[in-house]
Amino acid sequence: MSKKRNVPAHGRKAARSRRPRKRRFLVVAGGAVTEKQYFKQLESLYDVVIDYQQKNNSPKQLAELAVKLKREDKRDTSTDCYERIWVVVDVDDFHDHGEAARICNDNGIELVISNPCFEVWLLDYVKACPSSYTLTPDVESAAAEAKVVGGTRNKYINTELIDKEHLEAAMHNAARHNTTENRQGRNRLAPNHEQEYAPWTDMPKVIEALQQASDNSK
């Protein structure tokens, strides 16, 4: 009986097997348009996979959903697990950020907070969000005036700005209002209605993680 030889793979199948898998990340958020569009841009910018799951829920409920999705992902052996999972929330509408933070901390998930809203980070692409902008309408109007967002209800991002050149500016501008003093306010997770602290965004740590993943893939 002749023995079968191990024949090396050729063609498309071999190329596919040699191609490294893209790094996988998960974002769970409440934003149905703006945040979703933004993370899709980051996916292209860093050549990674960012699964975006959206629910119009409170931060606590979003954190619980992230835990559920993380467990499901671990059971799926057909692909690599998510490297990082982010629950992306604003401070403007809900009051259960403390509970969300506890759930995230207990399950190896990161809570990404913007105060009062995600547009703080988008405005940083053009200029540092002024410390006096503690209410969502102020920040949203400023982002629209700066032409970072537009379209219906100013929910659509000017994607031409979402490149690495403007991103470097955004990181610099965010550092101007992400001060030690403002971090204390962010850690209290207080609703912005009381105007207890100036604008803040955790988005720089997301960018740093994606940049690291991109560098390690080269």
N, C-alpha and C. Protein backbone atom coordinates (compact mmCIF):
# COMPACT_ATOMS: atom_id res chain seq x y z
N MET A 1 0.86 -1.21 0.00
CA MET A 1 0.00 0.00 0.00
C MET A 1 0.89 1.25 0.00
N SER A 2 0.65 2.14 -0.95
CA SER A 2 1.48 3.35 -1.02
C SER A 2 1.08 4.34 0.05
N LYS A 3 2.07 5.01 0.59
CA LYS A 3 1.81 6.00 1.62
C LYS A 3 1.48 7.35 1.00
N LYS A 4 0.56 8.05 1.62
CA LYS A 4 0.21 9.38 1.13
C LYS A 4 1.28 10.38 1.54
N ARG A 5 1.65 11.19 0.61
CA ARG A 5 2.64 12.22 0.91
C ARG A 5 1.94 13.50 1.35
N ASN A 6 2.60 14.21 2.23
CA ASN A 6 2.09 15.52 2.64
C ASN A 6 2.42 16.53 1.55
N VAL A 7 1.42 16.91 0.82
CA VAL A 7 1.60 17.84 -0.30
C VAL A 7 1.38 19.25 0.21
N PRO A 8 2.35 20.13 0.00
CA PRO A 8 2.17 21.51 0.48
C PRO A 8 1.02 22.20 -0.21
N ALA A 9 0.35 23.06 0.51
CA ALA A 9 -0.78 23.79 -0.06
C ALA A 9 -0.29 24.82 -1.06
N HIS A 10 -1.09 25.05 -2.08
CA HIS A 10 -0.72 26.01 -3.12
C HIS A 10 -1.87 26.97 -3.35
N GLY A 11 -1.57 28.04 -4.04
CA GLY A 11 -2.60 28.95 -4.51
C GLY A 11 -3.27 29.74 -3.40
N ARG A 12 -4.56 30.02 -3.63
CA ARG A 12 -5.30 30.92 -2.76
C ARG A 12 -5.40 30.38 -1.34
N LYS A 13 -5.58 29.05 -1.19
CA LYS A 13 -5.72 28.47 0.14
C LYS A 13 -4.46 28.67 0.95
N ALA A 14 -3.30 28.48 0.32
CA ALA A 14 -2.04 28.65 1.03
C ALA A 14 -1.85 30.11 1.43
N ALA A 15 -2.18 31.03 0.53
CA ALA A 15 -2.02 32.45 0.82
C ALA A 15 -2.91 32.85 1.98
N ARG A 16 -4.14 32.29 2.00
CA ARG A 16 -5.05 32.63 3.07
C ARG A 16 -4.55 32.12 4.41
N SER A 17 -3.93 30.93 4.41
CA SER A 17 -3.46 30.36 5.67
C SER A 17 -2.26 31.12 6.22
N ARG A 18 -1.48 31.76 5.31
CA ARG A 18 -0.30 32.50 5.76
C ARG A 18 -0.65 33.91 6.20
N ARG A 19 -1.80 34.41 5.76
CA ARG A 19 -2.17 35.78 6.06
C ARG A 19 -2.52 35.93 7.55
N PRO A 20 -1.85 36.83 8.27
CA PRO A 20 -2.16 36.99 9.69
C PRO A 20 -3.57 37.53 9.89
N ARG A 21 -4.21 37.07 10.94
CA ARG A 21 -5.54 37.55 11.24
C ARG A 21 -5.47 38.97 11.80
N LYS A 22 -6.47 39.76 11.47
CA LYS A 22 -6.53 41.11 12.01
C LYS A 22 -6.87 41.06 13.49
N ARG A 23 -6.32 41.99 14.23
CA ARG A 23 -6.62 42.08 15.66
C ARG A 23 -8.08 42.47 15.83
N ARG A 24 -8.73 41.86 16.82
CA ARG A 24 -10.16 42.05 17.00
C ARG A 24 -10.45 42.84 18.28
N PHE A 25 -11.38 43.79 18.16
CA PHE A 25 -11.81 44.60 19.29
C PHE A 25 -13.34 44.68 19.27
N LEU A 26 -13.90 44.96 20.42
CA LEU A 26 -15.35 45.09 20.54
C LEU A 26 -15.69 46.42 21.19
N VAL A 27 -16.64 47.12 20.59
CA VAL A 27 -17.18 48.35 21.17
C VAL A 27 -18.67 48.14 21.40
N VAL A 28 -19.12 48.39 22.61
CA VAL A 28 -20.54 48.37 22.94
C VAL A 28 -20.93 49.79 23.34
N ALA A 29 -21.89 50.36 22.63
CA ALA A 29 -22.21 51.77 22.84
C ALA A 29 -23.68 52.04 22.57
N GLY A 30 -24.10 53.24 22.95
CA GLY A 30 -25.48 53.63 22.74
C GLY A 30 -25.69 54.42 21.46
N GLY A 31 -24.61 54.97 20.89
CA GLY A 31 -24.72 55.80 19.71
C GLY A 31 -25.03 55.01 18.46
N ALA A 32 -26.13 55.35 17.78
CA ALA A 32 -26.54 54.60 16.60
C ALA A 32 -25.90 55.13 15.32
N VAL A 33 -25.41 56.37 15.33
CA VAL A 33 -24.88 56.95 14.10
C VAL A 33 -23.45 57.45 14.28
N THR A 34 -23.27 58.47 15.10
CA THR A 34 -21.98 59.15 15.20
C THR A 34 -20.86 58.22 15.63
N GLU A 35 -21.03 57.57 16.78
CA GLU A 35 -19.98 56.69 17.29
C GLU A 35 -19.74 55.52 16.36
N LYS A 36 -20.80 54.97 15.80
CA LYS A 36 -20.65 53.85 14.89
C LYS A 36 -19.82 54.23 13.68
N GLN A 37 -20.12 55.39 13.11
CA GLN A 37 -19.37 55.86 11.95
C GLN A 37 -17.91 56.12 12.32
N TYR A 38 -17.69 56.67 13.49
CA TYR A 38 -16.32 56.98 13.92
C TYR A 38 -15.48 55.72 14.06
N PHE A 39 -16.01 54.71 14.74
CA PHE A 39 -15.23 53.49 14.94
C PHE A 39 -15.01 52.73 13.64
N LYS A 40 -15.91 52.88 12.69
CA LYS A 40 -15.71 52.28 11.38
C LYS A 40 -14.50 52.93 10.69
N GLN A 41 -14.35 54.23 10.88
CA GLN A 41 -13.18 54.92 10.33
C GLN A 41 -11.89 54.43 11.00
N LEU A 42 -11.94 54.24 12.32
CA LEU A 42 -10.76 53.75 13.02
C LEU A 42 -10.38 52.35 12.56
N GLU A 43 -11.39 51.56 12.25
CA GLU A 43 -11.15 50.20 11.77
C GLU A 43 -10.29 50.23 10.51
N SER A 44 -10.60 51.12 9.61
CA SER A 44 -9.83 51.26 8.37
C SER A 44 -8.47 51.88 8.64
N LEU A 45 -8.44 52.85 9.53
CA LEU A 45 -7.21 53.60 9.80
C LEU A 45 -6.12 52.70 10.39
N TYR A 46 -6.53 51.76 11.25
CA TYR A 46 -5.55 50.91 11.93
C TYR A 46 -5.53 49.47 11.40
N ASP A 47 -6.33 49.18 10.40
CA ASP A 47 -6.37 47.85 9.79
C ASP A 47 -6.63 46.77 10.83
N VAL A 48 -7.68 46.97 11.61
CA VAL A 48 -8.11 46.02 12.62
C VAL A 48 -9.59 45.75 12.43
N VAL A 49 -10.10 44.81 13.19
CA VAL A 49 -11.54 44.54 13.19
C VAL A 49 -12.13 45.15 14.46
N ILE A 50 -13.11 46.01 14.30
CA ILE A 50 -13.81 46.59 15.45
C ILE A 50 -15.29 46.24 15.31
N ASP A 51 -15.73 45.27 16.07
CA ASP A 51 -17.15 44.92 16.08
C ASP A 51 -17.89 45.96 16.91
N TYR A 52 -18.91 46.57 16.32
CA TYR A 52 -19.65 47.63 17.00
C TYR A 52 -21.05 47.12 17.30
N GLN A 53 -21.38 47.07 18.59
CA GLN A 53 -22.70 46.63 19.03
C GLN A 53 -23.42 47.81 19.69
N GLN A 54 -24.58 48.17 19.16
CA GLN A 54 -25.29 49.34 19.64
C GLN A 54 -26.63 48.97 20.26
N LYS A 55 -26.88 49.53 21.42
CA LYS A 55 -28.18 49.42 22.09
C LYS A 55 -28.49 50.75 22.76
N ASN A 56 -29.72 51.18 22.68
CA ASN A 56 -30.12 52.42 23.33
C ASN A 56 -30.43 52.14 24.79
N ASN A 57 -29.37 51.81 25.53
CA ASN A 57 -29.51 51.40 26.93
C ASN A 57 -28.65 52.28 27.83
N SER A 58 -28.82 52.09 29.13
CA SER A 58 -28.02 52.82 30.11
C SER A 58 -26.61 52.23 30.15
N PRO A 59 -25.63 52.96 30.73
CA PRO A 59 -24.28 52.42 30.86
C PRO A 59 -24.24 51.06 31.56
N LYS A 60 -25.03 50.88 32.60
CA LYS A 60 -25.05 49.59 33.30
C LYS A 60 -25.51 48.48 32.36
N GLN A 61 -26.56 48.74 31.61
CA GLN A 61 -27.08 47.73 30.69
C GLN A 61 -26.09 47.43 29.56
N LEU A 62 -25.39 48.46 29.11
CA LEU A 62 -24.38 48.27 28.07
C LEU A 62 -23.22 47.43 28.62
N ALA A 63 -22.85 47.67 29.87
CA ALA A 63 -21.79 46.88 30.49
C ALA A 63 -22.20 45.42 30.61
N GLU A 64 -23.45 45.19 30.99
CA GLU A 64 -23.95 43.81 31.10
C GLU A 64 -23.96 43.13 29.73
N LEU A 65 -24.31 43.88 28.69
CA LEU A 65 -24.29 43.33 27.33
C LEU A 65 -22.86 42.98 26.93
N ALA A 66 -21.91 43.83 27.27
CA ALA A 66 -20.51 43.57 26.93
C ALA A 66 -20.02 42.30 27.60
N VAL A 67 -20.42 42.07 28.84
CA VAL A 67 -20.04 40.84 29.55
C VAL A 67 -20.60 39.63 28.82
N LYS A 68 -21.84 39.71 28.42
CA LYS A 68 -22.49 38.61 27.69
C LYS A 68 -21.76 38.32 26.38
N LEU A 69 -21.44 39.36 25.63
CA LEU A 69 -20.76 39.20 24.34
C LEU A 69 -19.35 38.66 24.53
N LYS A 70 -18.69 39.07 25.60
CA LYS A 70 -17.35 38.56 25.88
C LYS A 70 -17.38 37.06 26.14
N ARG A 71 -18.36 36.61 26.90
CA ARG A 71 -18.48 35.18 27.20
C ARG A 71 -18.78 34.38 25.94
N GLU A 72 -19.66 34.92 25.09
CA GLU A 72 -19.98 34.25 23.84
C GLU A 72 -18.75 34.17 22.94
N ASP A 73 -17.97 35.23 22.92
CA ASP A 73 -16.78 35.26 22.08
C ASP A 73 -15.75 34.22 22.55
N LYS A 74 -15.63 34.06 23.84
CA LYS A 74 -14.67 33.08 24.37
C LYS A 74 -15.07 31.65 23.99
N ARG A 75 -16.37 31.41 23.86
CA ARG A 75 -16.83 30.07 23.50
C ARG A 75 -16.65 29.78 22.01
N ASP A 76 -16.46 30.82 21.22
CA ASP A 76 -16.29 30.66 19.78
C ASP A 76 -14.82 30.39 19.48
N THR A 77 -14.48 29.15 19.20
CA THR A 77 -13.09 28.78 18.97
C THR A 77 -12.65 28.97 17.53
N SER A 78 -13.53 29.49 16.68
CA SER A 78 -13.19 29.64 15.27
C SER A 78 -12.34 30.87 14.98
N THR A 79 -12.17 31.72 15.96
CA THR A 79 -11.40 32.94 15.75
C THR A 79 -10.72 33.36 17.05
N ASP A 80 -9.80 34.31 16.95
CA ASP A 80 -9.12 34.81 18.14
C ASP A 80 -10.10 35.64 18.98
N CYS A 81 -9.87 35.64 20.27
CA CYS A 81 -10.74 36.42 21.16
C CYS A 81 -10.47 37.92 20.98
N TYR A 82 -11.44 38.72 21.38
CA TYR A 82 -11.25 40.17 21.36
C TYR A 82 -10.05 40.54 22.23
N GLU A 83 -9.21 41.42 21.70
CA GLU A 83 -8.07 41.88 22.49
C GLU A 83 -8.51 42.83 23.60
N ARG A 84 -9.41 43.72 23.25
CA ARG A 84 -9.94 44.68 24.23
C ARG A 84 -11.43 44.85 23.96
N ILE A 85 -12.16 45.13 25.03
CA ILE A 85 -13.59 45.41 24.91
C ILE A 85 -13.85 46.75 25.60
N TRP A 86 -14.50 47.65 24.88
CA TRP A 86 -14.79 48.98 25.40
C TRP A 86 -16.30 49.22 25.45
N VAL A 87 -16.77 49.72 26.56
CA VAL A 87 -18.14 50.20 26.68
C VAL A 87 -18.05 51.72 26.61
N VAL A 88 -18.59 52.29 25.55
CA VAL A 88 -18.43 53.72 25.26
C VAL A 88 -19.71 54.45 25.60
N VAL A 89 -19.64 55.38 26.57
CA VAL A 89 -20.84 56.04 27.06
C VAL A 89 -20.60 57.54 27.24
N ASP A 90 -21.70 58.27 27.28
CA ASP A 90 -21.69 59.69 27.62
C ASP A 90 -22.15 59.85 29.06
N VAL A 91 -21.95 61.05 29.58
CA VAL A 91 -22.41 61.34 30.94
C VAL A 91 -23.75 62.06 30.93
N ASP A 92 -24.24 62.43 29.74
CA ASP A 92 -25.34 63.39 29.69
C ASP A 92 -26.73 62.85 30.02
N ASP A 93 -26.95 61.54 29.89
CA ASP A 93 -28.33 61.06 30.00
C ASP A 93 -28.61 60.14 31.19
N PHE A 94 -27.59 59.50 31.73
CA PHE A 94 -27.83 58.45 32.72
C PHE A 94 -27.07 58.70 34.02
N HIS A 95 -27.45 57.94 35.04
CA HIS A 95 -26.89 58.14 36.37
C HIS A 95 -26.32 56.85 36.97
N ASP A 96 -26.11 55.83 36.16
CA ASP A 96 -25.65 54.56 36.71
C ASP A 96 -24.23 54.21 36.25
N HIS A 97 -23.41 55.25 36.03
CA HIS A 97 -22.04 55.01 35.57
C HIS A 97 -21.22 54.26 36.61
N GLY A 98 -21.50 54.49 37.90
CA GLY A 98 -20.77 53.78 38.94
C GLY A 98 -20.99 52.28 38.86
N GLU A 99 -22.22 51.87 38.65
CA GLU A 99 -22.53 50.45 38.51
C GLU A 99 -21.91 49.88 37.25
N ALA A 100 -21.92 50.67 36.18
CA ALA A 100 -21.29 50.23 34.94
C ALA A 100 -19.79 50.03 35.14
N ALA A 101 -19.16 50.95 35.85
CA ALA A 101 -17.72 50.85 36.10
C ALA A 101 -17.41 49.59 36.91
N ARG A 102 -18.23 49.28 37.89
CA ARG A 102 -18.01 48.09 38.71
C ARG A 102 -18.11 46.82 37.86
N ILE A 103 -19.13 46.74 37.02
CA ILE A 103 -19.31 45.57 36.16
C ILE A 103 -18.12 45.42 35.21
N CYS A 104 -17.70 46.53 34.62
CA CYS A 104 -16.56 46.48 33.70
C CYS A 104 -15.28 46.04 34.41
N ASN A 105 -15.02 46.63 35.57
CA ASN A 105 -13.81 46.29 36.32
C ASN A 105 -13.79 44.82 36.71
N ASP A 106 -14.93 44.28 37.06
CA ASP A 106 -15.01 42.88 37.50
C ASP A 106 -14.84 41.89 36.35
N ASN A 107 -14.96 42.37 35.12
CA ASN A 107 -14.97 41.46 33.98
C ASN A 107 -13.92 41.78 32.92
N GLY A 108 -12.93 42.58 33.29
CA GLY A 108 -11.85 42.88 32.36
C GLY A 108 -12.28 43.67 31.14
N ILE A 109 -13.23 44.56 31.34
CA ILE A 109 -13.75 45.41 30.27
C ILE A 109 -13.47 46.86 30.65
N GLU A 110 -13.28 47.72 29.66
CA GLU A 110 -12.95 49.11 29.93
C GLU A 110 -14.15 50.02 29.66
N LEU A 111 -14.46 50.87 30.62
CA LEU A 111 -15.53 51.86 30.46
C LEU A 111 -14.91 53.14 29.93
N VAL A 112 -15.38 53.58 28.78
CA VAL A 112 -14.85 54.77 28.11
C VAL A 112 -15.90 55.87 28.20
N ILE A 113 -15.59 56.89 28.97
CA ILE A 113 -16.56 57.94 29.27
C ILE A 113 -16.16 59.25 28.59
N SER A 114 -17.15 59.94 28.02
CA SER A 114 -16.95 61.30 27.54
C SER A 114 -17.96 62.19 28.26
N ASN A 115 -17.48 63.30 28.78
CA ASN A 115 -18.35 64.24 29.47
C ASN A 115 -18.33 65.60 28.75
N PRO A 116 -19.49 66.16 28.37
CA PRO A 116 -20.81 65.57 28.59
C PRO A 116 -21.23 64.58 27.51
N CYS A 117 -20.47 64.56 26.37
CA CYS A 117 -20.88 63.70 25.25
C CYS A 117 -19.67 63.38 24.37
N PHE A 118 -19.86 62.45 23.45
CA PHE A 118 -18.79 61.98 22.58
C PHE A 118 -18.23 63.09 21.70
N GLU A 119 -19.05 64.10 21.42
CA GLU A 119 -18.60 65.19 20.55
C GLU A 119 -17.45 65.99 21.16
N VAL A 120 -17.22 65.86 22.46
CA VAL A 120 -16.02 66.47 23.05
C VAL A 120 -14.77 65.99 22.32
N TRP A 121 -14.72 64.68 22.11
CA TRP A 121 -13.57 64.09 21.43
C TRP A 121 -13.52 64.50 19.95
N LEU A 122 -14.65 64.57 19.31
CA LEU A 122 -14.66 64.98 17.91
C LEU A 122 -14.23 66.43 17.75
N LEU A 123 -14.66 67.29 18.66
CA LEU A 123 -14.25 68.69 18.61
C LEU A 123 -12.75 68.82 18.80
N ASP A 124 -12.17 67.92 19.59
CA ASP A 124 -10.72 67.94 19.82
C ASP A 124 -9.93 67.76 18.53
N TYR A 125 -10.55 67.19 17.51
CA TYR A 125 -9.86 67.04 16.23
C TYR A 125 -9.53 68.39 15.60
N VAL A 126 -10.31 69.41 15.96
CA VAL A 126 -10.13 70.74 15.39
C VAL A 126 -9.55 71.71 16.40
N LYS A 127 -10.04 71.62 17.64
CA LYS A 127 -9.54 72.49 18.70
C LYS A 127 -9.89 71.86 20.04
N ALA A 128 -9.17 72.24 21.08
CA ALA A 128 -9.45 71.71 22.40
C ALA A 128 -10.83 72.15 22.85
N CYS A 129 -11.63 71.22 23.32
CA CYS A 129 -12.96 71.57 23.79
C CYS A 129 -12.84 72.54 24.97
N PRO A 130 -13.45 73.72 24.89
CA PRO A 130 -13.33 74.71 25.97
C PRO A 130 -13.87 74.18 27.30
N SER A 131 -13.24 74.56 28.38
CA SER A 131 -13.63 74.06 29.69
C SER A 131 -15.01 74.52 30.11
N SER A 132 -15.50 75.57 29.47
CA SER A 132 -16.83 76.08 29.83
C SER A 132 -17.95 75.25 29.21
N TYR A 133 -17.63 74.34 28.30
CA TYR A 133 -18.65 73.54 27.61
C TYR A 133 -18.97 72.30 28.44
N THR A 134 -19.87 72.45 29.38
CA THR A 134 -20.24 71.34 30.25
C THR A 134 -21.59 70.75 29.90
N LEU A 135 -22.30 71.36 28.95
CA LEU A 135 -23.61 70.86 28.54
C LEU A 135 -23.55 70.34 27.12
N THR A 136 -24.28 69.26 26.88
CA THR A 136 -24.27 68.61 25.57
C THR A 136 -24.61 69.56 24.42
N PRO A 137 -25.66 70.40 24.50
CA PRO A 137 -25.97 71.30 23.38
C PRO A 137 -24.81 72.22 23.01
N ASP A 138 -24.05 72.68 24.03
CA ASP A 138 -22.91 73.55 23.75
C ASP A 138 -21.86 72.82 22.92
N VAL A 139 -21.55 71.59 23.31
CA VAL A 139 -20.51 70.82 22.62
C VAL A 139 -20.98 70.43 21.21
N GLU A 140 -22.22 70.00 21.10
CA GLU A 140 -22.74 69.60 19.80
C GLU A 140 -22.76 70.78 18.82
N SER A 141 -23.14 71.96 19.31
CA SER A 141 -23.16 73.14 18.45
C SER A 141 -21.75 73.52 18.01
N ALA A 142 -20.80 73.42 18.93
CA ALA A 142 -19.42 73.75 18.60
C ALA A 142 -18.85 72.78 17.57
N ALA A 143 -19.17 71.50 17.71
CA ALA A 143 -18.70 70.50 16.75
C ALA A 143 -19.28 70.75 15.37
N ALA A 144 -20.54 71.18 15.33
CA ALA A 144 -21.18 71.47 14.04
C ALA A 144 -20.56 72.73 13.41
N GLU A 145 -20.32 73.75 14.22
CA GLU A 145 -19.71 74.98 13.72
C GLU A 145 -18.30 74.73 13.20
N ALA A 146 -17.60 73.80 13.84
CA ALA A 146 -16.24 73.45 13.40
C ALA A 146 -16.24 72.49 12.22
N LYS A 147 -17.46 72.11 11.79
CA LYS A 147 -17.64 71.21 10.64
C LYS A 147 -17.01 69.83 10.86
N VAL A 148 -16.97 69.42 12.13
CA VAL A 148 -16.54 68.06 12.44
C VAL A 148 -17.70 67.11 12.19
N VAL A 149 -18.90 67.61 12.42
CA VAL A 149 -20.12 66.84 12.17
C VAL A 149 -21.06 67.66 11.31
N GLY A 150 -22.02 66.98 10.68
CA GLY A 150 -22.99 67.66 9.84
C GLY A 150 -24.11 66.70 9.48
N GLY A 151 -24.84 67.04 8.44
CA GLY A 151 -25.93 66.17 8.02
C GLY A 151 -27.13 66.26 8.94
N THR A 152 -28.01 65.28 8.85
CA THR A 152 -29.24 65.26 9.64
C THR A 152 -28.93 65.32 11.12
N ARG A 153 -29.43 66.34 11.79
CA ARG A 153 -29.24 66.54 13.23
C ARG A 153 -27.76 66.54 13.63
N ASN A 154 -26.90 66.87 12.68
CA ASN A 154 -25.45 66.92 12.92
C ASN A 154 -24.92 65.61 13.54
N LYS A 155 -25.42 64.50 13.03
CA LYS A 155 -25.03 63.19 13.56
C LYS A 155 -23.94 62.52 12.72
N TYR A 156 -23.63 63.09 11.56
CA TYR A 156 -22.70 62.43 10.65
C TYR A 156 -21.33 63.11 10.68
N ILE A 157 -20.29 62.30 10.78
CA ILE A 157 -18.93 62.79 10.93
C ILE A 157 -18.36 63.22 9.58
N ASN A 158 -17.57 64.26 9.61
CA ASN A 158 -16.77 64.65 8.45
C ASN A 158 -15.58 63.69 8.39
N THR A 159 -15.73 62.63 7.63
CA THR A 159 -14.73 61.55 7.64
C THR A 159 -13.36 62.00 7.13
N GLU A 160 -13.32 63.10 6.37
CA GLU A 160 -12.03 63.59 5.88
C GLU A 160 -11.11 64.01 7.03
N LEU A 161 -11.70 64.33 8.17
CA LEU A 161 -10.89 64.73 9.32
C LEU A 161 -10.35 63.54 10.11
N ILE A 162 -10.93 62.36 9.90
CA ILE A 162 -10.54 61.21 10.71
C ILE A 162 -9.35 60.53 10.06
N ASP A 163 -8.22 61.21 10.14
CA ASP A 163 -6.96 60.63 9.66
C ASP A 163 -5.92 60.81 10.76
N LYS A 164 -4.74 60.25 10.54
CA LYS A 164 -3.74 60.23 11.61
C LYS A 164 -3.17 61.62 11.90
N GLU A 165 -3.18 62.49 10.91
CA GLU A 165 -2.69 63.85 11.15
C GLU A 165 -3.61 64.58 12.12
N HIS A 166 -4.92 64.55 11.86
CA HIS A 166 -5.86 65.21 12.76
C HIS A 166 -5.96 64.45 14.09
N LEU A 167 -5.75 63.16 14.05
CA LEU A 167 -5.81 62.37 15.28
C LEU A 167 -4.71 62.78 16.24
N GLU A 168 -3.56 63.07 15.71
CA GLU A 168 -2.45 63.55 16.56
C GLU A 168 -2.84 64.86 17.24
N ALA A 169 -3.49 65.73 16.50
CA ALA A 169 -3.97 66.99 17.08
C ALA A 169 -5.02 66.74 18.15
N ALA A 170 -5.91 65.76 17.91
CA ALA A 170 -6.95 65.45 18.88
C ALA A 170 -6.35 64.95 20.19
N MET A 171 -5.32 64.12 20.10
CA MET A 171 -4.67 63.62 21.31
C MET A 171 -4.06 64.78 22.10
N HIS A 172 -3.43 65.70 21.39
CA HIS A 172 -2.82 66.86 22.04
C HIS A 172 -3.89 67.74 22.68
N ASN A 173 -4.98 67.99 21.95
CA ASN A 173 -6.04 68.85 22.46
C ASN A 173 -6.76 68.22 23.65
N ALA A 174 -6.98 66.91 23.59
CA ALA A 174 -7.65 66.23 24.71
C ALA A 174 -6.82 66.33 25.98
N ALA A 175 -5.50 66.29 25.83
CA ALA A 175 -4.62 66.38 27.00
C ALA A 175 -4.75 67.73 27.69
N ARG A 176 -5.18 68.74 26.95
CA ARG A 176 -5.32 70.08 27.53
C ARG A 176 -6.48 70.16 28.51
N HIS A 177 -7.54 69.36 28.28
CA HIS A 177 -8.66 69.40 29.24
C HIS A 177 -8.75 68.13 30.08
N ASN A 178 -8.03 67.08 29.71
CA ASN A 178 -7.98 65.88 30.54
C ASN A 178 -6.92 66.05 31.63
N THR A 179 -7.16 67.00 32.50
CA THR A 179 -6.19 67.33 33.54
C THR A 179 -6.40 66.45 34.76
N THR A 180 -5.44 66.50 35.67
CA THR A 180 -5.56 65.74 36.92
C THR A 180 -6.80 66.16 37.69
N GLU A 181 -7.05 67.45 37.72
CA GLU A 181 -8.23 67.96 38.42
C GLU A 181 -9.52 67.43 37.79
N ASN A 182 -9.57 67.45 36.47
CA ASN A 182 -10.77 66.97 35.79
C ASN A 182 -10.93 65.46 35.93
N ARG A 183 -9.82 64.75 36.06
CA ARG A 183 -9.90 63.30 36.26
C ARG A 183 -10.64 62.98 37.56
N GLN A 184 -10.43 63.79 38.58
CA GLN A 184 -11.13 63.56 39.84
C GLN A 184 -12.63 63.66 39.64
N GLY A 185 -13.06 64.61 38.84
CA GLY A 185 -14.47 64.74 38.53
C GLY A 185 -14.97 63.58 37.70
N ARG A 186 -14.16 63.14 36.73
CA ARG A 186 -14.54 61.99 35.90
C ARG A 186 -14.71 60.75 36.76
N ASN A 187 -13.84 60.56 37.74
CA ASN A 187 -13.92 59.37 38.58
C ASN A 187 -15.12 59.38 39.52
N ARG A 188 -15.71 60.57 39.74
CA ARG A 188 -16.94 60.63 40.53
C ARG A 188 -18.14 60.20 39.69
N LEU A 189 -17.95 60.23 38.36
CA LEU A 189 -19.00 59.79 37.44
C LEU A 189 -20.31 60.54 37.67
N ALA A 190 -20.18 61.83 37.94
CA ALA A 190 -21.36 62.64 38.24
C ALA A 190 -22.05 63.06 36.94
N PRO A 191 -23.38 63.18 36.95
CA PRO A 191 -24.08 63.66 35.75
C PRO A 191 -23.74 65.11 35.48
N ASN A 192 -23.68 65.49 34.21
CA ASN A 192 -23.23 66.83 33.86
C ASN A 192 -24.23 67.91 34.25
N HIS A 193 -25.45 67.50 34.57
CA HIS A 193 -26.46 68.52 34.90
C HIS A 193 -26.01 69.38 36.09
N GLU A 194 -25.16 68.83 36.95
CA GLU A 194 -24.67 69.57 38.10
C GLU A 194 -23.41 70.37 37.76
N GLN A 195 -22.89 70.17 36.56
CA GLN A 195 -21.71 70.89 36.09
C GLN A 195 -20.58 70.80 37.10
N GLU A 196 -20.30 69.62 37.59
CA GLU A 196 -19.28 69.44 38.61
C GLU A 196 -17.87 69.45 38.04
N TYR A 197 -17.71 69.21 36.75
CA TYR A 197 -16.37 69.21 36.19
C TYR A 197 -16.40 69.52 34.72
N ALA A 198 -15.25 69.87 34.21
CA ALA A 198 -15.11 70.31 32.82
C ALA A 198 -15.09 69.12 31.86
N PRO A 199 -15.10 69.39 30.56
CA PRO A 199 -15.10 68.31 29.57
C PRO A 199 -13.96 67.32 29.77
N TRP A 200 -14.29 66.07 29.46
CA TRP A 200 -13.34 64.98 29.62
C TRP A 200 -13.68 63.90 28.58
N THR A 201 -12.66 63.20 28.12
CA THR A 201 -12.91 62.03 27.28
C THR A 201 -11.83 60.98 27.52
N ASP A 202 -12.26 59.72 27.61
CA ASP A 202 -11.33 58.60 27.75
C ASP A 202 -10.86 58.06 26.41
N MET A 203 -11.28 58.66 25.31
CA MET A 203 -10.96 58.13 23.99
C MET A 203 -9.46 58.03 23.69
N PRO A 204 -8.60 58.89 24.23
CA PRO A 204 -7.17 58.72 23.96
C PRO A 204 -6.63 57.33 24.32
N LYS A 205 -7.15 56.71 25.38
CA LYS A 205 -6.64 55.38 25.74
C LYS A 205 -7.08 54.33 24.73
N VAL A 206 -8.21 54.55 24.07
CA VAL A 206 -8.64 53.66 22.99
C VAL A 206 -7.68 53.78 21.81
N ILE A 207 -7.34 55.01 21.45
CA ILE A 207 -6.43 55.26 20.33
C ILE A 207 -5.06 54.66 20.62
N GLU A 208 -4.58 54.81 21.84
CA GLU A 208 -3.27 54.25 22.20
C GLU A 208 -3.27 52.74 22.06
N ALA A 209 -4.35 52.09 22.43
CA ALA A 209 -4.43 50.63 22.31
C ALA A 209 -4.45 50.20 20.85
N LEU A 210 -5.19 50.90 20.02
CA LEU A 210 -5.24 50.58 18.59
C LEU A 210 -3.90 50.83 17.92
N GLN A 211 -3.24 51.90 18.32
CA GLN A 211 -1.92 52.20 17.75
C GLN A 211 -0.92 51.11 18.12
N GLN A 212 -0.97 50.66 19.36
CA GLN A 212 -0.07 49.59 19.80
C GLN A 212 -0.34 48.31 19.02
N ALA A 213 -1.61 47.98 18.83
CA ALA A 213 -1.97 46.77 18.07
C ALA A 213 -1.47 46.87 16.63
N SER A 214 -1.60 48.07 16.06
CA SER A 214 -1.13 48.28 14.69
C SER A 214 0.37 48.14 14.59
N ASP A 215 1.09 48.69 15.56
CA ASP A 215 2.55 48.61 15.56
C ASP A 215 3.02 47.16 15.72
N ASN A 216 2.34 46.40 16.58
CA ASN A 216 2.75 45.03 16.83
C ASN A 216 2.46 44.10 15.66
N SER A 217 1.55 44.54 14.78
CA SER A 217 1.20 43.71 13.64
C SER A 217 2.17 43.87 12.47
N LYS A 218 3.04 44.86 12.56
CA LYS A 218 3.96 45.13 11.45
C LYS A 218 5.18 44.19 11.52
